């Protein structure tokens, strides 16, 4: 490329050195930074999902649902500890509520029944399959929050996002779900 300046011919290679930093800054601000923020939100969502699964897994191994003993804690006592153990290793994720329920599925019909507390009667493993479900509502923070006054608050971009995750595991000791 040849540039002309007052009837003189010269090289134009110096223009790129001036323009590239400005263009790169625009590309970074418009494309890369929001993608980095979105990736962070996805990572933190996955972390909350893992915490919900760990809570369901720990609760499914409990011998009782509500009334635990010194050596055998209940599902209601174990699930929050398992969730907080996973989340304590990272930042940007907080739990707003945690609910542990029993899901009973009829083997022949597939009909499900939800119990928010312990079972009213003893478990019947010949007719039903029992699962422990954790319902975790949490708040995940973007990498950096910033203000876009013209757009308002956008969860995940300018404000934290509130998400709800359900995780289920089959109960390993259904006989204790009425205790």
N, C-alpha and C. Protein backbone atom coordinates (compact mmCIF):
# COMPACT_ATOMS: atom_id res chain seq x y z
N UNK A 1 0.85 -1.17 0.00
CA UNK A 1 0.00 0.00 0.00
C UNK A 1 0.90 1.23 0.00
N UNK A 2 0.55 2.17 -0.81
CA UNK A 2 1.34 3.40 -0.94
C UNK A 2 0.46 4.57 -0.50
N UNK A 3 1.00 5.40 0.34
CA UNK A 3 0.28 6.59 0.80
C UNK A 3 0.89 7.82 0.13
N UNK A 4 0.05 8.76 -0.15
CA UNK A 4 0.52 10.00 -0.75
C UNK A 4 0.33 11.14 0.25
N UNK A 5 1.31 11.93 0.39
CA UNK A 5 1.25 13.07 1.27
C UNK A 5 1.90 14.25 0.53
N UNK A 6 1.08 15.19 0.04
CA UNK A 6 1.56 16.40 -0.68
C UNK A 6 2.55 16.03 -1.78
N UNK A 7 2.08 15.17 -2.66
CA UNK A 7 2.84 14.77 -3.84
C UNK A 7 4.11 13.98 -3.51
N UNK A 8 4.22 13.43 -2.29
CA UNK A 8 5.38 12.60 -1.95
C UNK A 8 4.88 11.19 -1.69
N UNK A 9 5.61 10.22 -2.03
CA UNK A 9 5.25 8.82 -1.81
C UNK A 9 5.99 8.33 -0.58
N UNK A 10 5.22 7.64 0.29
CA UNK A 10 5.84 7.07 1.50
C UNK A 10 5.08 5.83 1.92
N UNK A 11 5.59 5.09 2.87
CA UNK A 11 4.97 3.85 3.36
C UNK A 11 3.93 4.17 4.42
N UNK A 12 2.85 3.34 4.50
CA UNK A 12 1.76 3.56 5.47
C UNK A 12 1.78 2.54 6.61
N UNK A 13 2.83 1.86 6.83
CA UNK A 13 2.85 0.77 7.81
C UNK A 13 2.69 1.27 9.24
N UNK A 14 2.97 2.46 9.54
CA UNK A 14 2.84 2.97 10.90
C UNK A 14 1.40 3.14 11.37
N UNK A 15 0.45 3.18 10.46
CA UNK A 15 -0.96 3.34 10.83
C UNK A 15 -1.47 2.17 11.65
N UNK A 16 -1.05 0.97 11.31
CA UNK A 16 -1.52 -0.21 12.01
C UNK A 16 -1.07 -0.21 13.47
N UNK A 17 0.09 0.24 13.74
CA UNK A 17 0.61 0.28 15.11
C UNK A 17 -0.21 1.21 15.99
N UNK A 18 -0.81 2.20 15.40
CA UNK A 18 -1.64 3.13 16.15
C UNK A 18 -3.07 2.60 16.30
N UNK A 19 -3.59 1.93 15.29
CA UNK A 19 -4.98 1.50 15.29
C UNK A 19 -5.23 0.19 16.05
N UNK A 20 -4.28 -0.71 16.07
CA UNK A 20 -4.49 -2.04 16.66
C UNK A 20 -4.82 -1.98 18.15
N UNK A 21 -4.16 -1.22 19.00
CA UNK A 21 -4.55 -1.21 20.42
C UNK A 21 -5.98 -0.74 20.66
N UNK A 22 -6.44 0.24 19.90
CA UNK A 22 -7.82 0.70 20.05
C UNK A 22 -8.82 -0.35 19.62
N UNK A 23 -8.54 -1.02 18.52
CA UNK A 23 -9.43 -2.08 18.04
C UNK A 23 -9.44 -3.26 19.01
N UNK A 24 -8.30 -3.63 19.52
CA UNK A 24 -8.21 -4.75 20.47
C UNK A 24 -8.96 -4.42 21.77
N UNK A 25 -8.90 -3.20 22.22
CA UNK A 25 -9.63 -2.82 23.43
C UNK A 25 -11.13 -2.92 23.20
N UNK A 26 -11.59 -2.52 22.05
CA UNK A 26 -13.03 -2.63 21.73
C UNK A 26 -13.44 -4.09 21.65
N UNK A 27 -12.64 -4.92 21.00
CA UNK A 27 -12.95 -6.35 20.91
C UNK A 27 -12.99 -6.97 22.30
N UNK A 28 -12.05 -6.62 23.15
CA UNK A 28 -12.01 -7.16 24.50
C UNK A 28 -13.25 -6.75 25.29
N UNK A 29 -13.60 -5.48 25.24
CA UNK A 29 -14.74 -4.99 26.02
C UNK A 29 -16.08 -5.49 25.50
N UNK A 30 -16.22 -5.60 24.21
CA UNK A 30 -17.51 -5.98 23.64
C UNK A 30 -17.72 -7.49 23.53
N UNK A 31 -16.67 -8.26 23.36
CA UNK A 31 -16.84 -9.68 23.13
C UNK A 31 -16.24 -10.55 24.22
N UNK A 32 -14.95 -10.38 24.49
CA UNK A 32 -14.26 -11.29 25.40
C UNK A 32 -14.73 -11.16 26.84
N UNK A 33 -14.86 -9.97 27.34
CA UNK A 33 -15.24 -9.78 28.74
C UNK A 33 -16.63 -10.34 29.06
N UNK A 34 -17.65 -10.08 28.25
CA UNK A 34 -18.95 -10.73 28.54
C UNK A 34 -18.89 -12.26 28.44
N UNK A 35 -18.09 -12.78 27.52
CA UNK A 35 -17.94 -14.24 27.43
C UNK A 35 -17.24 -14.80 28.65
N UNK A 36 -16.26 -14.08 29.17
CA UNK A 36 -15.59 -14.49 30.39
C UNK A 36 -16.56 -14.47 31.57
N UNK A 37 -17.41 -13.46 31.62
CA UNK A 37 -18.43 -13.37 32.66
C UNK A 37 -19.42 -14.52 32.55
N UNK A 38 -19.85 -14.83 31.34
CA UNK A 38 -20.78 -15.92 31.10
C UNK A 38 -20.15 -17.26 31.46
N UNK A 39 -18.90 -17.46 31.12
CA UNK A 39 -18.20 -18.69 31.49
C UNK A 39 -18.09 -18.85 33.00
N UNK A 40 -17.85 -17.77 33.69
CA UNK A 40 -17.79 -17.81 35.16
C UNK A 40 -19.14 -18.18 35.74
N UNK A 41 -20.21 -17.64 35.18
CA UNK A 41 -21.56 -17.99 35.66
C UNK A 41 -21.84 -19.47 35.42
N UNK A 42 -21.44 -19.99 34.27
CA UNK A 42 -21.64 -21.41 33.98
C UNK A 42 -20.85 -22.29 34.92
N UNK A 43 -19.64 -21.90 35.22
CA UNK A 43 -18.80 -22.65 36.16
C UNK A 43 -19.42 -22.66 37.56
N UNK A 44 -19.91 -21.53 37.99
CA UNK A 44 -20.51 -21.44 39.32
C UNK A 44 -21.85 -22.17 39.38
N UNK A 45 -22.59 -22.18 38.28
CA UNK A 45 -23.83 -22.97 38.22
C UNK A 45 -23.52 -24.46 38.35
N UNK A 46 -22.49 -24.90 37.65
CA UNK A 46 -22.06 -26.29 37.77
C UNK A 46 -21.61 -26.64 39.17
N UNK A 47 -20.96 -25.70 39.84
CA UNK A 47 -20.54 -25.92 41.22
C UNK A 47 -21.75 -26.08 42.14
N UNK A 48 -22.77 -25.26 41.96
CA UNK A 48 -23.98 -25.38 42.77
C UNK A 48 -24.70 -26.69 42.46
N UNK A 49 -24.67 -27.12 41.22
CA UNK A 49 -25.27 -28.40 40.85
C UNK A 49 -24.53 -29.56 41.52
N UNK A 50 -23.23 -29.50 41.55
CA UNK A 50 -22.43 -30.52 42.23
C UNK A 50 -22.73 -30.54 43.72
N UNK A 51 -22.88 -29.39 44.31
CA UNK A 51 -23.20 -29.32 45.74
C UNK A 51 -24.57 -29.94 46.02
N UNK A 52 -25.55 -29.69 45.16
CA UNK A 52 -26.88 -30.29 45.34
C UNK A 52 -26.81 -31.81 45.21
N UNK A 53 -26.02 -32.30 44.27
CA UNK A 53 -25.86 -33.75 44.12
C UNK A 53 -25.18 -34.37 45.32
N UNK A 54 -24.16 -33.71 45.82
CA UNK A 54 -23.47 -34.22 47.01
C UNK A 54 -24.40 -34.25 48.22
N UNK A 55 -25.26 -33.25 48.34
CA UNK A 55 -26.24 -33.24 49.43
C UNK A 55 -27.22 -34.39 49.31
N UNK A 56 -27.71 -34.64 48.10
CA UNK A 56 -28.63 -35.75 47.87
C UNK A 56 -27.94 -37.09 48.11
N UNK A 57 -26.70 -37.20 47.69
CA UNK A 57 -25.95 -38.43 47.88
C UNK A 57 -25.72 -38.72 49.36
N UNK A 58 -25.33 -37.71 50.11
CA UNK A 58 -25.09 -37.90 51.54
C UNK A 58 -26.39 -38.24 52.27
N UNK A 59 -27.49 -37.56 51.89
CA UNK A 59 -28.78 -37.82 52.54
C UNK A 59 -29.29 -39.21 52.20
N UNK A 60 -29.02 -39.71 51.00
CA UNK A 60 -29.52 -41.03 50.60
C UNK A 60 -28.82 -42.15 51.35
N UNK A 61 -27.66 -41.89 51.91
CA UNK A 61 -26.93 -42.91 52.66
C UNK A 61 -27.27 -42.91 54.14
N UNK A 62 -28.10 -41.98 54.59
CA UNK A 62 -28.48 -41.89 56.01
C UNK A 62 -29.43 -43.01 56.38
N UNK A 63 -29.36 -43.41 57.64
CA UNK A 63 -30.22 -44.50 58.13
C UNK A 63 -31.61 -44.02 58.52
N UNK A 64 -31.73 -42.73 58.86
CA UNK A 64 -33.03 -42.17 59.22
C UNK A 64 -33.23 -40.86 58.47
N UNK A 65 -34.49 -40.37 58.45
CA UNK A 65 -34.76 -39.13 57.74
C UNK A 65 -34.70 -37.92 58.67
N UNK A 66 -35.39 -37.98 59.81
CA UNK A 66 -35.44 -36.82 60.72
C UNK A 66 -34.65 -37.03 62.01
N UNK A 67 -34.84 -38.17 62.67
CA UNK A 67 -34.27 -38.40 63.99
C UNK A 67 -32.99 -39.21 63.88
N UNK A 68 -31.87 -38.56 63.97
CA UNK A 68 -30.59 -39.26 63.91
C UNK A 68 -30.05 -39.53 65.29
N UNK A 69 -29.00 -40.32 65.33
CA UNK A 69 -28.33 -40.60 66.60
C UNK A 69 -26.88 -40.13 66.48
N UNK A 70 -26.11 -40.36 67.53
CA UNK A 70 -24.73 -39.86 67.55
C UNK A 70 -23.89 -40.45 66.42
N UNK A 71 -24.00 -41.73 66.18
CA UNK A 71 -23.21 -42.37 65.13
C UNK A 71 -23.87 -42.38 63.78
N UNK A 72 -25.17 -42.14 63.76
CA UNK A 72 -25.93 -42.20 62.51
C UNK A 72 -26.78 -40.95 62.36
N UNK A 73 -26.22 -39.89 61.77
CA UNK A 73 -26.99 -38.65 61.61
C UNK A 73 -28.11 -38.82 60.57
N UNK A 74 -29.13 -38.00 60.70
CA UNK A 74 -30.30 -38.07 59.82
C UNK A 74 -30.00 -37.43 58.47
N UNK A 75 -30.88 -37.70 57.51
CA UNK A 75 -30.74 -37.11 56.18
C UNK A 75 -30.87 -35.59 56.24
N UNK A 76 -31.76 -35.11 57.09
CA UNK A 76 -31.93 -33.66 57.22
C UNK A 76 -30.71 -32.97 57.82
N UNK A 77 -29.93 -33.70 58.60
CA UNK A 77 -28.73 -33.12 59.20
C UNK A 77 -27.52 -33.23 58.28
N UNK A 78 -27.46 -34.27 57.48
CA UNK A 78 -26.28 -34.53 56.65
C UNK A 78 -26.27 -33.70 55.37
N UNK A 79 -27.44 -33.51 54.75
CA UNK A 79 -27.50 -32.81 53.46
C UNK A 79 -26.93 -31.38 53.51
N UNK A 80 -27.32 -30.54 54.47
CA UNK A 80 -26.75 -29.18 54.49
C UNK A 80 -25.24 -29.16 54.72
N UNK A 81 -24.74 -30.11 55.49
CA UNK A 81 -23.30 -30.18 55.73
C UNK A 81 -22.56 -30.52 54.45
N UNK A 82 -23.08 -31.48 53.69
CA UNK A 82 -22.45 -31.87 52.43
C UNK A 82 -22.47 -30.72 51.42
N UNK A 83 -23.58 -30.01 51.34
CA UNK A 83 -23.69 -28.88 50.41
C UNK A 83 -22.70 -27.78 50.81
N UNK A 84 -22.65 -27.45 52.08
CA UNK A 84 -21.75 -26.37 52.50
C UNK A 84 -20.28 -26.77 52.39
N UNK A 85 -19.97 -28.07 52.52
CA UNK A 85 -18.58 -28.51 52.34
C UNK A 85 -18.10 -28.28 50.91
N UNK A 86 -18.96 -28.53 49.95
CA UNK A 86 -18.57 -28.30 48.55
C UNK A 86 -18.43 -26.80 48.28
N UNK A 87 -19.39 -26.02 48.73
CA UNK A 87 -19.39 -24.59 48.42
C UNK A 87 -18.36 -23.79 49.21
N UNK A 88 -17.88 -24.33 50.33
CA UNK A 88 -16.91 -23.59 51.15
C UNK A 88 -15.55 -23.48 50.46
N UNK A 89 -15.30 -24.31 49.48
CA UNK A 89 -14.01 -24.29 48.80
C UNK A 89 -13.92 -23.24 47.70
N UNK A 90 -15.04 -22.64 47.36
CA UNK A 90 -15.09 -21.67 46.26
C UNK A 90 -15.85 -20.43 46.72
N UNK A 91 -15.72 -19.37 45.95
CA UNK A 91 -16.46 -18.16 46.27
C UNK A 91 -17.37 -17.81 45.10
N UNK A 92 -18.34 -16.94 45.35
CA UNK A 92 -19.24 -16.51 44.31
C UNK A 92 -20.55 -17.28 44.26
N UNK A 93 -20.72 -18.25 45.16
CA UNK A 93 -21.95 -19.05 45.21
C UNK A 93 -22.43 -19.09 46.65
N UNK A 94 -23.71 -18.80 46.85
CA UNK A 94 -24.27 -18.88 48.20
C UNK A 94 -25.63 -19.58 48.13
N UNK A 95 -25.97 -20.29 49.20
CA UNK A 95 -27.23 -21.02 49.27
C UNK A 95 -28.25 -20.16 50.02
N UNK A 96 -29.41 -19.96 49.40
CA UNK A 96 -30.49 -19.22 50.05
C UNK A 96 -31.43 -20.16 50.80
N UNK A 97 -31.70 -21.32 50.22
CA UNK A 97 -32.55 -22.30 50.91
C UNK A 97 -32.19 -23.70 50.45
N UNK A 98 -32.42 -24.65 51.34
CA UNK A 98 -32.16 -26.06 51.06
C UNK A 98 -33.30 -26.86 51.65
N UNK A 99 -33.93 -27.67 50.81
CA UNK A 99 -35.06 -28.49 51.24
C UNK A 99 -34.76 -29.94 50.87
N UNK A 100 -35.04 -30.85 51.78
CA UNK A 100 -34.82 -32.28 51.55
C UNK A 100 -36.17 -32.97 51.65
N UNK A 101 -36.54 -33.71 50.60
CA UNK A 101 -37.83 -34.39 50.54
C UNK A 101 -37.62 -35.86 50.18
N UNK A 102 -38.67 -36.64 50.40
CA UNK A 102 -38.70 -38.05 50.01
C UNK A 102 -39.64 -38.17 48.82
N UNK A 103 -39.19 -38.85 47.79
CA UNK A 103 -40.01 -39.11 46.61
C UNK A 103 -40.27 -40.62 46.58
N UNK A 104 -41.55 -40.99 46.59
CA UNK A 104 -41.92 -42.40 46.54
C UNK A 104 -42.55 -42.68 45.17
N UNK A 105 -42.02 -43.66 44.45
CA UNK A 105 -42.50 -44.01 43.12
C UNK A 105 -43.07 -45.42 43.15
N UNK A 106 -44.31 -45.57 42.70
CA UNK A 106 -44.95 -46.88 42.61
C UNK A 106 -44.29 -47.66 41.47
N UNK A 107 -43.88 -48.89 41.76
CA UNK A 107 -43.18 -49.70 40.76
C UNK A 107 -44.08 -50.06 39.59
N UNK A 108 -45.34 -50.38 39.85
CA UNK A 108 -46.23 -50.83 38.77
C UNK A 108 -46.81 -49.69 37.94
N UNK A 109 -47.20 -48.60 38.56
CA UNK A 109 -47.86 -47.51 37.83
C UNK A 109 -46.92 -46.35 37.47
N UNK A 110 -45.85 -46.19 38.21
CA UNK A 110 -44.93 -45.07 37.98
C UNK A 110 -45.39 -43.78 38.62
N UNK A 111 -46.49 -43.81 39.37
CA UNK A 111 -46.99 -42.61 40.05
C UNK A 111 -46.05 -42.24 41.20
N UNK A 112 -45.79 -40.93 41.33
CA UNK A 112 -44.90 -40.47 42.38
C UNK A 112 -45.66 -39.68 43.43
N UNK A 113 -45.17 -39.79 44.66
CA UNK A 113 -45.72 -39.04 45.78
C UNK A 113 -44.56 -38.36 46.49
N UNK A 114 -44.74 -37.08 46.82
CA UNK A 114 -43.70 -36.32 47.53
C UNK A 114 -44.07 -36.21 49.00
N UNK A 115 -43.09 -36.47 49.86
CA UNK A 115 -43.24 -36.30 51.30
C UNK A 115 -42.25 -35.24 51.76
N UNK A 116 -42.76 -34.18 52.36
CA UNK A 116 -41.88 -33.10 52.82
C UNK A 116 -41.26 -33.41 54.17
N UNK A 117 -41.78 -34.37 54.85
CA UNK A 117 -41.21 -34.83 56.11
C UNK A 117 -40.98 -36.32 56.03
N UNK A 118 -40.86 -36.95 57.19
CA UNK A 118 -40.65 -38.39 57.19
C UNK A 118 -41.91 -39.11 56.69
N UNK A 119 -41.74 -40.38 56.33
CA UNK A 119 -42.87 -41.17 55.86
C UNK A 119 -43.85 -41.42 57.01
N UNK A 120 -45.15 -41.41 56.75
CA UNK A 120 -46.12 -41.66 57.83
C UNK A 120 -46.14 -43.12 58.28
N UNK A 121 -45.77 -44.04 57.40
CA UNK A 121 -45.72 -45.46 57.74
C UNK A 121 -44.37 -46.02 57.32
N UNK A 122 -44.13 -47.26 57.66
CA UNK A 122 -42.86 -47.90 57.28
C UNK A 122 -42.77 -48.04 55.76
N UNK A 123 -41.58 -48.02 55.25
CA UNK A 123 -41.35 -48.13 53.81
C UNK A 123 -41.68 -49.54 53.32
N UNK A 124 -42.28 -49.64 52.15
CA UNK A 124 -42.62 -50.91 51.53
C UNK A 124 -41.81 -51.03 50.23
N UNK A 125 -40.63 -51.64 50.34
CA UNK A 125 -39.73 -51.73 49.19
C UNK A 125 -40.20 -52.70 48.12
N UNK A 126 -41.21 -53.52 48.43
CA UNK A 126 -41.72 -54.44 47.42
C UNK A 126 -42.67 -53.73 46.44
N UNK A 127 -43.24 -52.60 46.84
CA UNK A 127 -44.18 -51.87 45.99
C UNK A 127 -43.66 -50.52 45.50
N UNK A 128 -42.71 -49.94 46.23
CA UNK A 128 -42.27 -48.58 45.93
C UNK A 128 -40.75 -48.49 45.86
N UNK A 129 -40.30 -47.49 45.12
CA UNK A 129 -38.89 -47.10 45.09
C UNK A 129 -38.81 -45.74 45.78
N UNK A 130 -37.83 -45.57 46.66
CA UNK A 130 -37.72 -44.34 47.44
C UNK A 130 -36.46 -43.57 47.03
N UNK A 131 -36.65 -42.27 46.83
CA UNK A 131 -35.54 -41.39 46.48
C UNK A 131 -35.51 -40.22 47.45
N UNK A 132 -34.33 -39.71 47.67
CA UNK A 132 -34.14 -38.49 48.46
C UNK A 132 -33.84 -37.37 47.47
N UNK A 133 -34.57 -36.27 47.58
CA UNK A 133 -34.39 -35.13 46.69
C UNK A 133 -33.95 -33.91 47.48
N UNK A 134 -32.91 -33.27 46.99
CA UNK A 134 -32.50 -31.98 47.56
C UNK A 134 -32.91 -30.88 46.59
N UNK A 135 -33.52 -29.86 47.13
CA UNK A 135 -33.97 -28.69 46.37
C UNK A 135 -33.15 -27.50 46.88
N UNK A 136 -32.17 -27.10 46.09
CA UNK A 136 -31.25 -26.04 46.50
C UNK A 136 -31.54 -24.78 45.69
N UNK A 137 -31.82 -23.70 46.37
CA UNK A 137 -31.96 -22.39 45.73
C UNK A 137 -30.73 -21.59 46.14
N UNK A 138 -29.99 -21.13 45.14
CA UNK A 138 -28.76 -20.42 45.43
C UNK A 138 -28.61 -19.19 44.58
N UNK A 139 -27.62 -18.41 44.93
CA UNK A 139 -27.32 -17.18 44.22
C UNK A 139 -25.91 -17.29 43.67
N UNK A 140 -25.76 -17.10 42.36
CA UNK A 140 -24.44 -17.16 41.75
C UNK A 140 -24.07 -15.76 41.25
N UNK A 141 -22.85 -15.40 41.55
CA UNK A 141 -22.34 -14.07 41.22
C UNK A 141 -21.58 -14.10 39.90
N UNK A 142 -21.72 -13.09 39.06
CA UNK A 142 -20.85 -13.00 37.88
C UNK A 142 -19.43 -12.66 38.33
N UNK A 143 -18.48 -12.78 37.42
CA UNK A 143 -17.09 -12.49 37.76
C UNK A 143 -16.95 -11.07 38.29
N UNK A 144 -17.49 -10.13 37.57
CA UNK A 144 -17.52 -8.73 38.00
C UNK A 144 -18.88 -8.16 37.64
N UNK A 145 -19.48 -7.45 38.57
CA UNK A 145 -20.73 -6.79 38.24
C UNK A 145 -20.42 -5.35 37.85
N UNK A 146 -21.13 -4.88 36.88
CA UNK A 146 -20.97 -3.49 36.48
C UNK A 146 -22.33 -2.94 36.12
N UNK A 147 -22.42 -1.65 36.04
CA UNK A 147 -23.70 -0.99 35.86
C UNK A 147 -23.93 -0.62 34.40
N UNK A 148 -25.08 -1.03 33.90
CA UNK A 148 -25.54 -0.59 32.58
C UNK A 148 -26.88 0.09 32.81
N UNK A 149 -26.84 1.36 33.13
CA UNK A 149 -28.05 2.07 33.54
C UNK A 149 -29.13 2.05 32.46
N UNK A 150 -28.75 2.01 31.21
CA UNK A 150 -29.76 2.02 30.15
C UNK A 150 -30.49 0.69 30.02
N UNK A 151 -29.89 -0.41 30.49
CA UNK A 151 -30.52 -1.73 30.38
C UNK A 151 -31.13 -2.22 31.68
N UNK A 152 -30.83 -1.61 32.79
CA UNK A 152 -31.32 -2.06 34.08
C UNK A 152 -30.49 -3.23 34.60
N UNK A 153 -31.03 -3.96 35.56
CA UNK A 153 -30.32 -5.11 36.12
C UNK A 153 -30.56 -6.34 35.27
N UNK A 154 -29.48 -6.97 34.85
CA UNK A 154 -29.54 -8.20 34.08
C UNK A 154 -28.89 -9.29 34.93
N UNK A 155 -29.67 -10.26 35.43
CA UNK A 155 -29.07 -11.32 36.25
C UNK A 155 -27.98 -12.06 35.47
N UNK A 156 -26.84 -12.18 36.10
CA UNK A 156 -25.71 -12.84 35.47
C UNK A 156 -24.76 -11.89 34.79
N UNK A 157 -25.19 -10.69 34.51
CA UNK A 157 -24.32 -9.71 33.85
C UNK A 157 -24.09 -8.51 34.76
N UNK A 158 -25.16 -7.89 35.20
CA UNK A 158 -25.02 -6.72 36.07
C UNK A 158 -25.48 -7.01 37.49
N UNK A 159 -26.02 -8.20 37.74
CA UNK A 159 -26.52 -8.56 39.07
C UNK A 159 -26.38 -10.07 39.25
N UNK A 160 -26.40 -10.54 40.49
CA UNK A 160 -26.35 -11.99 40.73
C UNK A 160 -27.60 -12.67 40.18
N UNK A 161 -27.47 -13.93 39.82
CA UNK A 161 -28.59 -14.72 39.32
C UNK A 161 -29.03 -15.71 40.40
N UNK A 162 -30.33 -15.82 40.60
CA UNK A 162 -30.88 -16.79 41.55
C UNK A 162 -31.32 -18.01 40.74
N UNK A 163 -30.81 -19.18 41.14
CA UNK A 163 -31.11 -20.42 40.43
C UNK A 163 -31.61 -21.47 41.42
N UNK A 164 -32.38 -22.42 40.88
CA UNK A 164 -32.93 -23.51 41.69
C UNK A 164 -32.51 -24.82 41.05
N UNK A 165 -31.95 -25.72 41.86
CA UNK A 165 -31.45 -26.99 41.35
C UNK A 165 -32.04 -28.12 42.19
N UNK A 166 -32.55 -29.14 41.50
CA UNK A 166 -33.07 -30.34 42.15
C UNK A 166 -32.14 -31.49 41.84
N UNK A 167 -31.81 -32.29 42.86
CA UNK A 167 -30.98 -33.47 42.67
C UNK A 167 -31.61 -34.63 43.43
N UNK A 168 -31.62 -35.81 42.81
CA UNK A 168 -32.22 -37.00 43.43
C UNK A 168 -31.23 -38.15 43.47
N UNK A 169 -31.33 -38.93 44.53
CA UNK A 169 -30.57 -40.16 44.69
C UNK A 169 -31.48 -41.21 45.30
N UNK A 170 -31.31 -42.46 44.90
CA UNK A 170 -32.09 -43.53 45.50
C UNK A 170 -31.66 -43.74 46.94
N UNK A 171 -32.62 -43.94 47.81
CA UNK A 171 -32.35 -44.15 49.23
C UNK A 171 -31.73 -45.53 49.43
N UNK A 172 -30.61 -45.55 50.15
CA UNK A 172 -29.95 -46.82 50.42
C UNK A 172 -30.53 -47.53 51.63
N UNK A 173 -31.23 -46.80 52.48
CA UNK A 173 -31.85 -47.39 53.67
C UNK A 173 -33.29 -46.90 53.78
N UNK A 174 -34.19 -47.40 52.94
CA UNK A 174 -35.58 -46.90 52.98
C UNK A 174 -36.32 -47.28 54.25
N UNK A 175 -35.84 -48.27 54.99
CA UNK A 175 -36.52 -48.68 56.22
C UNK A 175 -36.50 -47.57 57.28
N UNK A 176 -35.55 -46.67 57.23
CA UNK A 176 -35.46 -45.62 58.23
C UNK A 176 -36.11 -44.32 57.82
N UNK A 177 -36.79 -44.28 56.70
CA UNK A 177 -37.37 -43.03 56.23
C UNK A 177 -38.61 -42.61 57.01
N UNK A 178 -39.13 -43.47 57.88
CA UNK A 178 -40.26 -43.08 58.73
C UNK A 178 -39.80 -42.68 60.12
N UNK A 179 -38.53 -42.51 60.33
CA UNK A 179 -37.98 -42.12 61.63
C UNK A 179 -37.33 -40.77 61.56
